[in-house]
Amino acid sequence: MRPQPYIAMNEALYLRNPESSELGKKIIRHSIELIHLNGLEAFTFRKLAEHIGTTEAGVYRYFENKHKLLVYLTAWYWGWLEFQITFATNNIQDPFVKLEKVISLLAAPVEDDERTEHVNEYMLHQIIIEEGSKAYMTKHVEDDNKLHYFKPYKHLCAAIGEMISQCNPNYKYPRSLATTIVEMAHFQNYFRVHLPSLTDFGPSKNERDVIEFLNDLIFASIRKK
């Protein structure tokens, strides 16, 4: 039986821990639903408050602004994904098989994890694909980085980079390749659905095509002399 995931969150991201109350959990659950439905630009704390039947001030007691809420959601997702990767690869010894498993987890569709009732991982995964880069592509990214907002993402990429080094200790770019795997898994799936002319895939194609493409690209790079 798969254990319950525990995601440690950076306290600097919130004013009050949303995991500590039913209202906080409703804020997380319905934020994911509204951002997934309408996009980040259309999302406001006022709309969220109206949706869940509370006051806008009540939402602001948990999060200072929607940027910090987005960073919280993305950080939660990266922590959750690393948990899934650790569990799925724990008994795999071959680093190539382990990395192949990681690529599959990154590029395959995500199903909702019923053990986390206040988080719909399927919707959150779509938010990561469509909105996730907005968490760090800002003018104040250096300031956010000093507060360790992106630690879960960096920790995940470091773990993948270590797997790449295990596959080929002489490969020069394990960290760069690790972030490329993560970002390309998202970009290719986004393009496949919304801008198919930018890929060799299309919305009617199976997601497995993206996984096979990533396997071909990544392992060809690692195995080069």
C-alpha atoms as a PDB file:
ATOM      1  CA  MET A   1       0.000   0.000   0.000  1.00  0.00           C
ATOM      2  CA  ARG A   2       1.382   3.402  -0.984  1.00  0.00           C
ATOM      3  CA  PRO A   3       2.069   5.607   2.079  1.00  0.00           C
ATOM      4  CA  GLN A   4       0.387   8.951   2.643  1.00  0.00           C
ATOM      5  CA  PRO A   5       2.543  11.711   1.077  1.00  0.00           C
ATOM      6  CA  TYR A   6       3.908  14.338   3.453  1.00  0.00           C
ATOM      7  CA  ILE A   7       4.851  17.628   1.805  1.00  0.00           C
ATOM      8  CA  ALA A   8       6.933  20.034   3.901  1.00  0.00           C
ATOM      9  CA  MET A   9       6.142  23.615   2.880  1.00  0.00           C
ATOM     10  CA  ASN A  10       8.154  26.824   3.196  1.00  0.00           C
ATOM     11  CA  GLU A  11       6.521  28.942   5.909  1.00  0.00           C
ATOM     12  CA  ALA A  12       7.538  32.135   4.088  1.00  0.00           C
ATOM     13  CA  LEU A  13       4.939  31.376   1.413  1.00  0.00           C
ATOM     14  CA  TYR A  14       1.919  31.853   3.624  1.00  0.00           C
ATOM     15  CA  LEU A  15       0.669  34.038   6.474  1.00  0.00           C
ATOM     16  CA  ARG A  16      -1.272  31.179   8.028  1.00  0.00           C
ATOM     17  CA  ASN A  17      -0.738  27.522   7.215  1.00  0.00           C
ATOM     18  CA  PRO A  18      -3.639  26.523   4.926  1.00  0.00           C
ATOM     19  CA  GLU A  19      -3.250  22.913   6.069  1.00  0.00           C
ATOM     20  CA  SER A  20      -4.222  23.973   9.606  1.00  0.00           C
ATOM     21  CA  SER A  21      -7.922  24.663   9.006  1.00  0.00           C
ATOM     22  CA  GLU A  22     -10.869  23.646   6.875  1.00  0.00           C
ATOM     23  CA  LEU A  23     -11.042  27.141   5.363  1.00  0.00           C
ATOM     24  CA  GLY A  24      -7.358  26.952   4.438  1.00  0.00           C
ATOM     25  CA  LYS A  25      -7.874  23.606   2.723  1.00  0.00           C
ATOM     26  CA  LYS A  26     -10.901  25.014   0.878  1.00  0.00           C
ATOM     27  CA  ILE A  27      -8.736  27.903  -0.320  1.00  0.00           C
ATOM     28  CA  ILE A  28      -6.204  25.441  -1.756  1.00  0.00           C
ATOM     29  CA  ARG A  29      -8.796  23.111  -3.299  1.00  0.00           C
ATOM     30  CA  HIS A  30     -10.889  25.815  -4.935  1.00  0.00           C
ATOM     31  CA  SER A  31      -7.894  27.894  -6.016  1.00  0.00           C
ATOM     32  CA  ILE A  32      -6.737  24.904  -8.024  1.00  0.00           C
ATOM     33  CA  GLU A  33     -10.201  24.482  -9.528  1.00  0.00           C
ATOM     34  CA  LEU A  34     -10.568  28.155 -10.510  1.00  0.00           C
ATOM     35  CA  ILE A  35      -7.050  28.568 -11.899  1.00  0.00           C
ATOM     36  CA  HIS A  36      -7.451  25.346 -13.861  1.00  0.00           C
ATOM     37  CA  LEU A  37     -10.806  26.511 -15.221  1.00  0.00           C
ATOM     38  CA  ASN A  38     -10.090  30.175 -16.019  1.00  0.00           C
ATOM     39  CA  GLY A  39      -6.315  30.683 -15.887  1.00  0.00           C
ATOM     40  CA  LEU A  40      -4.127  32.654 -13.497  1.00  0.00           C
ATOM     41  CA  GLU A  41      -4.784  36.059 -15.085  1.00  0.00           C
ATOM     42  CA  ALA A  42      -8.540  35.815 -14.489  1.00  0.00           C
ATOM     43  CA  PHE A  43      -8.118  34.440 -10.975  1.00  0.00           C
ATOM     44  CA  THR A  44      -8.574  36.858  -8.054  1.00  0.00           C
ATOM     45  CA  PHE A  45      -8.985  36.464  -4.313  1.00  0.00           C
ATOM     46  CA  ARG A  46     -12.358  38.198  -4.590  1.00  0.00           C
ATOM     47  CA  LYS A  47     -13.629  35.561  -7.032  1.00  0.00           C
ATOM     48  CA  LEU A  48     -12.183  32.820  -4.851  1.00  0.00           C
ATOM     49  CA  ALA A  49     -13.882  34.218  -1.739  1.00  0.00           C
ATOM     50  CA  GLU A  50     -17.244  34.407  -3.507  1.00  0.00           C
ATOM     51  CA  HIS A  51     -16.793  30.860  -4.802  1.00  0.00           C
ATOM     52  CA  ILE A  52     -16.163  29.331  -1.371  1.00  0.00           C
ATOM     53  CA  GLY A  53     -18.515  31.581   0.613  1.00  0.00           C
ATOM     54  CA  THR A  54     -16.036  33.564   2.671  1.00  0.00           C
ATOM     55  CA  THR A  55     -14.658  37.107   2.669  1.00  0.00           C
ATOM     56  CA  GLU A  56     -11.776  38.383   0.585  1.00  0.00           C
ATOM     57  CA  ALA A  57     -10.101  39.407   3.849  1.00  0.00           C
ATOM     58  CA  GLY A  58     -10.403  35.807   4.987  1.00  0.00           C
ATOM     59  CA  VAL A  59      -8.352  34.647   1.994  1.00  0.00           C
ATOM     60  CA  TYR A  60      -5.738  37.341   2.610  1.00  0.00           C
ATOM     61  CA  ARG A  61      -5.259  35.994   6.135  1.00  0.00           C
ATOM     62  CA  TYR A  62      -3.669  32.935   4.514  1.00  0.00           C
ATOM     63  CA  PHE A  63      -1.817  34.349   1.495  1.00  0.00           C
ATOM     64  CA  GLU A  64      -0.370  37.786   0.883  1.00  0.00           C
ATOM     65  CA  ASN A  65      -1.118  37.704  -2.860  1.00  0.00           C
ATOM     66  CA  LYS A  66      -1.894  35.308  -5.684  1.00  0.00           C
ATOM     67  CA  HIS A  67       1.769  35.078  -6.716  1.00  0.00           C
ATOM     68  CA  LYS A  68       2.662  33.519  -3.375  1.00  0.00           C
ATOM     69  CA  LEU A  69      -0.351  31.257  -3.696  1.00  0.00           C
ATOM     70  CA  LEU A  70       0.884  30.115  -7.124  1.00  0.00           C
ATOM     71  CA  VAL A  71       4.392  29.493  -5.764  1.00  0.00           C
ATOM     72  CA  TYR A  72       2.830  27.537  -2.895  1.00  0.00           C
ATOM     73  CA  LEU A  73       0.860  25.369  -5.318  1.00  0.00           C
ATOM     74  CA  THR A  74       3.860  24.718  -7.562  1.00  0.00           C
ATOM     75  CA  ALA A  75       6.107  23.955  -4.586  1.00  0.00           C
ATOM     76  CA  TRP A  76       3.500  21.540  -3.239  1.00  0.00           C
ATOM     77  CA  TYR A  77       3.322  19.801  -6.604  1.00  0.00           C
ATOM     78  CA  TRP A  78       7.110  19.394  -6.901  1.00  0.00           C
ATOM     79  CA  GLY A  79       7.267  17.978  -3.392  1.00  0.00           C
ATOM     80  CA  TRP A  80       4.419  15.595  -4.161  1.00  0.00           C
ATOM     81  CA  LEU A  81       6.043  14.520  -7.450  1.00  0.00           C
ATOM     82  CA  GLU A  82       9.386  13.838  -5.785  1.00  0.00           C
ATOM     83  CA  PHE A  83       7.534  11.681  -3.271  1.00  0.00           C
ATOM     84  CA  GLN A  84       5.969   9.698  -6.141  1.00  0.00           C
ATOM     85  CA  ILE A  85       9.341   9.320  -7.873  1.00  0.00           C
ATOM     86  CA  THR A  86      11.073   8.174  -4.685  1.00  0.00           C
ATOM     87  CA  PHE A  87       8.367   5.606  -4.018  1.00  0.00           C
ATOM     88  CA  ALA A  88       8.305   4.348  -7.640  1.00  0.00           C
ATOM     89  CA  THR A  89      12.094   3.994  -7.973  1.00  0.00           C
ATOM     90  CA  ASN A  90      13.001   2.893  -4.458  1.00  0.00           C
ATOM     91  CA  ASN A  91      13.614  -0.750  -5.378  1.00  0.00           C
ATOM     92  CA  ILE A  92      15.125  -0.136  -8.824  1.00  0.00           C
ATOM     93  CA  GLN A  93      18.889  -0.612  -8.934  1.00  0.00           C
ATOM     94  CA  ASP A  94      19.629  -0.008 -12.627  1.00  0.00           C
ATOM     95  CA  PRO A  95      20.055   3.786 -13.048  1.00  0.00           C
ATOM     96  CA  PHE A  96      18.894   3.649 -16.687  1.00  0.00           C
ATOM     97  CA  VAL A  97      15.671   1.877 -15.712  1.00  0.00           C
ATOM     98  CA  LYS A  98      15.239   4.332 -12.853  1.00  0.00           C
ATOM     99  CA  LEU A  99      15.660   7.341 -15.145  1.00  0.00           C
ATOM    100  CA  GLU A 100      13.266   5.841 -17.681  1.00  0.00           C
ATOM    101  CA  LYS A 101      10.688   5.525 -14.896  1.00  0.00           C
ATOM    102  CA  VAL A 102      11.226   9.169 -13.953  1.00  0.00           C
ATOM    103  CA  ILE A 103      10.700  10.315 -17.554  1.00  0.00           C
ATOM    104  CA  SER A 104       7.457   8.352 -17.688  1.00  0.00           C
ATOM    105  CA  LEU A 105       6.212   9.925 -14.449  1.00  0.00           C
ATOM    106  CA  LEU A 106       7.085  13.417 -15.685  1.00  0.00           C
ATOM    107  CA  ALA A 107       5.412  13.122 -19.092  1.00  0.00           C
ATOM    108  CA  ALA A 108       2.466  10.833 -18.431  1.00  0.00           C
ATOM    109  CA  PRO A 109      -0.978  12.095 -17.361  1.00  0.00           C
ATOM    110  CA  VAL A 110      -1.430  12.552 -13.625  1.00  0.00           C
ATOM    111  CA  GLU A 111      -4.391  11.047 -11.824  1.00  0.00           C
ATOM    112  CA  ASP A 112      -5.970  12.616  -8.771  1.00  0.00           C
ATOM    113  CA  ASP A 113      -4.582  11.182  -5.526  1.00  0.00           C
ATOM    114  CA  GLU A 114      -7.611  10.485  -3.345  1.00  0.00           C
ATOM    115  CA  ARG A 115      -5.488  10.527  -0.181  1.00  0.00           C
ATOM    116  CA  THR A 116      -5.069  14.297  -0.522  1.00  0.00           C
ATOM    117  CA  GLU A 117      -8.688  15.448  -0.463  1.00  0.00           C
ATOM    118  CA  HIS A 118      -7.919  19.186  -0.652  1.00  0.00           C
ATOM    119  CA  VAL A 119      -5.638  18.861  -3.697  1.00  0.00           C
ATOM    120  CA  ASN A 120      -6.693  17.608  -7.112  1.00  0.00           C
ATOM    121  CA  GLU A 121      -3.358  16.513  -8.571  1.00  0.00           C
ATOM    122  CA  TYR A 122      -4.780  16.118 -12.065  1.00  0.00           C
ATOM    123  CA  MET A 123      -5.857  19.776 -12.163  1.00  0.00           C
ATOM    124  CA  LEU A 124      -2.687  20.909 -10.412  1.00  0.00           C
ATOM    125  CA  HIS A 125      -0.573  19.119 -13.006  1.00  0.00           C
ATOM    126  CA  GLN A 126      -2.385  21.015 -15.753  1.00  0.00           C
ATOM    127  CA  ILE A 127      -1.694  24.266 -13.881  1.00  0.00           C
ATOM    128  CA  ILE A 128       2.000  23.355 -13.676  1.00  0.00           C
ATOM    129  CA  ILE A 129       2.073  22.773 -17.440  1.00  0.00           C
ATOM    130  CA  GLU A 130       0.197  25.965 -18.331  1.00  0.00           C
ATOM    131  CA  GLU A 131       1.086  28.389 -15.529  1.00  0.00           C
ATOM    132  CA  GLY A 132       3.999  26.908 -13.578  1.00  0.00           C
ATOM    133  CA  SER A 133       6.774  28.977 -15.172  1.00  0.00           C
ATOM    134  CA  LYS A 134       5.028  32.155 -13.969  1.00  0.00           C
ATOM    135  CA  ALA A 135       6.067  31.214 -10.441  1.00  0.00           C
ATOM    136  CA  TYR A 136       9.724  32.012 -11.188  1.00  0.00           C
ATOM    137  CA  MET A 137       9.726  34.019 -14.434  1.00  0.00           C
ATOM    138  CA  THR A 138       9.338  37.335 -12.624  1.00  0.00           C
ATOM    139  CA  LYS A 139      11.384  40.469 -12.080  1.00  0.00           C
ATOM    140  CA  HIS A 140      11.842  39.560  -8.406  1.00  0.00           C
ATOM    141  CA  VAL A 141      12.942  35.961  -8.921  1.00  0.00           C
ATOM    142  CA  GLU A 142      16.298  36.544  -7.170  1.00  0.00           C
ATOM    143  CA  ASP A 143      14.552  37.849  -4.060  1.00  0.00           C
ATOM    144  CA  ASP A 144      12.175  34.893  -4.074  1.00  0.00           C
ATOM    145  CA  ASN A 145      15.092  32.526  -4.528  1.00  0.00           C
ATOM    146  CA  LYS A 146      16.835  33.965  -1.452  1.00  0.00           C
ATOM    147  CA  LEU A 147      13.743  32.979   0.513  1.00  0.00           C
ATOM    148  CA  HIS A 148      14.068  29.408  -0.845  1.00  0.00           C
ATOM    149  CA  TYR A 149      10.711  29.504  -2.627  1.00  0.00           C
ATOM    150  CA  PHE A 150      11.977  27.170  -5.349  1.00  0.00           C
ATOM    151  CA  LYS A 151      13.752  24.665  -3.127  1.00  0.00           C
ATOM    152  CA  PRO A 152      11.351  21.750  -3.913  1.00  0.00           C
ATOM    153  CA  TYR A 153      11.824  22.258  -7.667  1.00  0.00           C
ATOM    154  CA  LYS A 154      15.609  22.506  -7.323  1.00  0.00           C
ATOM    155  CA  HIS A 155      15.683  19.486  -5.022  1.00  0.00           C
ATOM    156  CA  LEU A 156      13.735  17.425  -7.564  1.00  0.00           C
ATOM    157  CA  CYS A 157      16.032  18.467 -10.427  1.00  0.00           C
ATOM    158  CA  ALA A 158      19.102  17.700  -8.308  1.00  0.00           C
ATOM    159  CA  ALA A 159      17.765  14.194  -7.641  1.00  0.00           C
ATOM    160  CA  ILE A 160      17.192  13.630 -11.367  1.00  0.00           C
ATOM    161  CA  GLY A 161      20.646  15.052 -12.115  1.00  0.00           C
ATOM    162  CA  GLU A 162      22.151  12.527  -9.714  1.00  0.00           C
ATOM    163  CA  MET A 163      20.398   9.701 -11.594  1.00  0.00           C
ATOM    164  CA  ILE A 164      21.864  11.013 -14.846  1.00  0.00           C
ATOM    165  CA  SER A 165      25.350  11.029 -13.303  1.00  0.00           C
ATOM    166  CA  GLN A 166      24.829   7.450 -12.167  1.00  0.00           C
ATOM    167  CA  CYS A 167      24.014   6.512 -15.768  1.00  0.00           C
ATOM    168  CA  ASN A 168      27.147   8.213 -17.056  1.00  0.00           C
ATOM    169  CA  PRO A 169      29.593   9.718 -14.526  1.00  0.00           C
ATOM    170  CA  ASN A 170      31.436  11.428 -17.399  1.00  0.00           C
ATOM    171  CA  TYR A 171      28.413  13.299 -18.689  1.00  0.00           C
ATOM    172  CA  LYS A 172      29.133  17.009 -18.298  1.00  0.00           C
ATOM    173  CA  TYR A 173      25.655  18.482 -17.960  1.00  0.00           C
ATOM    174  CA  PRO A 174      23.541  16.440 -15.527  1.00  0.00           C
ATOM    175  CA  ARG A 175      21.774  19.414 -13.908  1.00  0.00           C
ATOM    176  CA  SER A 176      21.035  21.121 -17.213  1.00  0.00           C
ATOM    177  CA  LEU A 177      19.691  17.887 -18.647  1.00  0.00           C
ATOM    178  CA  ALA A 178      17.574  17.314 -15.532  1.00  0.00           C
ATOM    179  CA  THR A 179      15.804  20.669 -15.843  1.00  0.00           C
ATOM    180  CA  THR A 180      15.448  20.081 -19.591  1.00  0.00           C
ATOM    181  CA  ILE A 181      13.647  16.788 -18.941  1.00  0.00           C
ATOM    182  CA  VAL A 182      11.198  18.431 -16.544  1.00  0.00           C
ATOM    183  CA  GLU A 183      10.460  21.488 -18.670  1.00  0.00           C
ATOM    184  CA  MET A 184      10.335  19.645 -21.981  1.00  0.00           C
ATOM    185  CA  ALA A 185       7.896  17.100 -20.602  1.00  0.00           C
ATOM    186  CA  HIS A 186       5.550  19.997 -19.885  1.00  0.00           C
ATOM    187  CA  PHE A 187       6.205  22.028 -23.029  1.00  0.00           C
ATOM    188  CA  GLN A 188       5.753  19.097 -25.393  1.00  0.00           C
ATOM    189  CA  ASN A 189       2.475  18.078 -23.782  1.00  0.00           C
ATOM    190  CA  TYR A 190       1.265  21.688 -23.881  1.00  0.00           C
ATOM    191  CA  PHE A 191       2.255  22.100 -27.527  1.00  0.00           C
ATOM    192  CA  ARG A 192       0.805  18.691 -28.385  1.00  0.00           C
ATOM    193  CA  VAL A 193      -2.640  19.871 -27.283  1.00  0.00           C
ATOM    194  CA  HIS A 194      -2.594  23.602 -28.058  1.00  0.00           C
ATOM    195  CA  LEU A 195       0.101  24.197 -30.724  1.00  0.00           C
ATOM    196  CA  PRO A 196       0.608  20.828 -32.411  1.00  0.00           C
ATOM    197  CA  SER A 197       2.514  22.302 -35.376  1.00  0.00           C
ATOM    198  CA  LEU A 198       5.407  22.909 -32.939  1.00  0.00           C
ATOM    199  CA  THR A 199       5.699  19.173 -32.312  1.00  0.00           C
ATOM    200  CA  ASP A 200       5.638  15.883 -34.151  1.00  0.00           C
ATOM    201  CA  PHE A 201       2.621  14.958 -32.103  1.00  0.00           C
ATOM    202  CA  GLY A 202      -1.001  16.083 -32.027  1.00  0.00           C
ATOM    203  CA  PRO A 203      -3.932  16.181 -29.622  1.00  0.00           C
ATOM    204  CA  SER A 204      -5.179  12.847 -30.947  1.00  0.00           C
ATOM    205  CA  LYS A 205      -1.817  11.150 -30.382  1.00  0.00           C
ATOM    206  CA  ASN A 206      -1.058   9.137 -27.250  1.00  0.00           C
ATOM    207  CA  GLU A 207       0.946  10.799 -24.464  1.00  0.00           C
ATOM    208  CA  ARG A 208       3.283   7.839 -24.796  1.00  0.00           C
ATOM    209  CA  ASP A 209       4.720   9.518 -27.920  1.00  0.00           C
ATOM    210  CA  VAL A 210       6.128  12.325 -25.765  1.00  0.00           C
ATOM    211  CA  ILE A 211       7.639   9.787 -23.381  1.00  0.00           C
ATOM    212  CA  GLU A 212       9.301   7.919 -26.246  1.00  0.00           C
ATOM    213  CA  PHE A 213      10.622  11.189 -27.674  1.00  0.00           C
ATOM    214  CA  LEU A 214      12.140  12.153 -24.315  1.00  0.00           C
ATOM    215  CA  ASN A 215      13.673   8.712 -23.879  1.00  0.00           C
ATOM    216  CA  ASP A 216      15.230   8.945 -27.335  1.00  0.00           C
ATOM    217  CA  LEU A 217      16.619  12.426 -26.703  1.00  0.00           C
ATOM    218  CA  ILE A 218      17.842  11.933 -23.141  1.00  0.00           C
ATOM    219  CA  PHE A 219      19.469   8.526 -23.492  1.00  0.00           C
ATOM    220  CA  ALA A 220      21.103   9.465 -26.785  1.00  0.00           C
ATOM    221  CA  SER A 221      22.719  12.398 -24.988  1.00  0.00           C
ATOM    222  CA  ILE A 222      23.824  10.368 -21.991  1.00  0.00           C
ATOM    223  CA  ARG A 223      25.304   7.521 -24.045  1.00  0.00           C
ATOM    224  CA  LYS A 224      27.403   9.788 -26.290  1.00  0.00           C
ATOM    225  CA  LYS A 225      31.118   9.202 -25.894  1.00  0.00           C
END
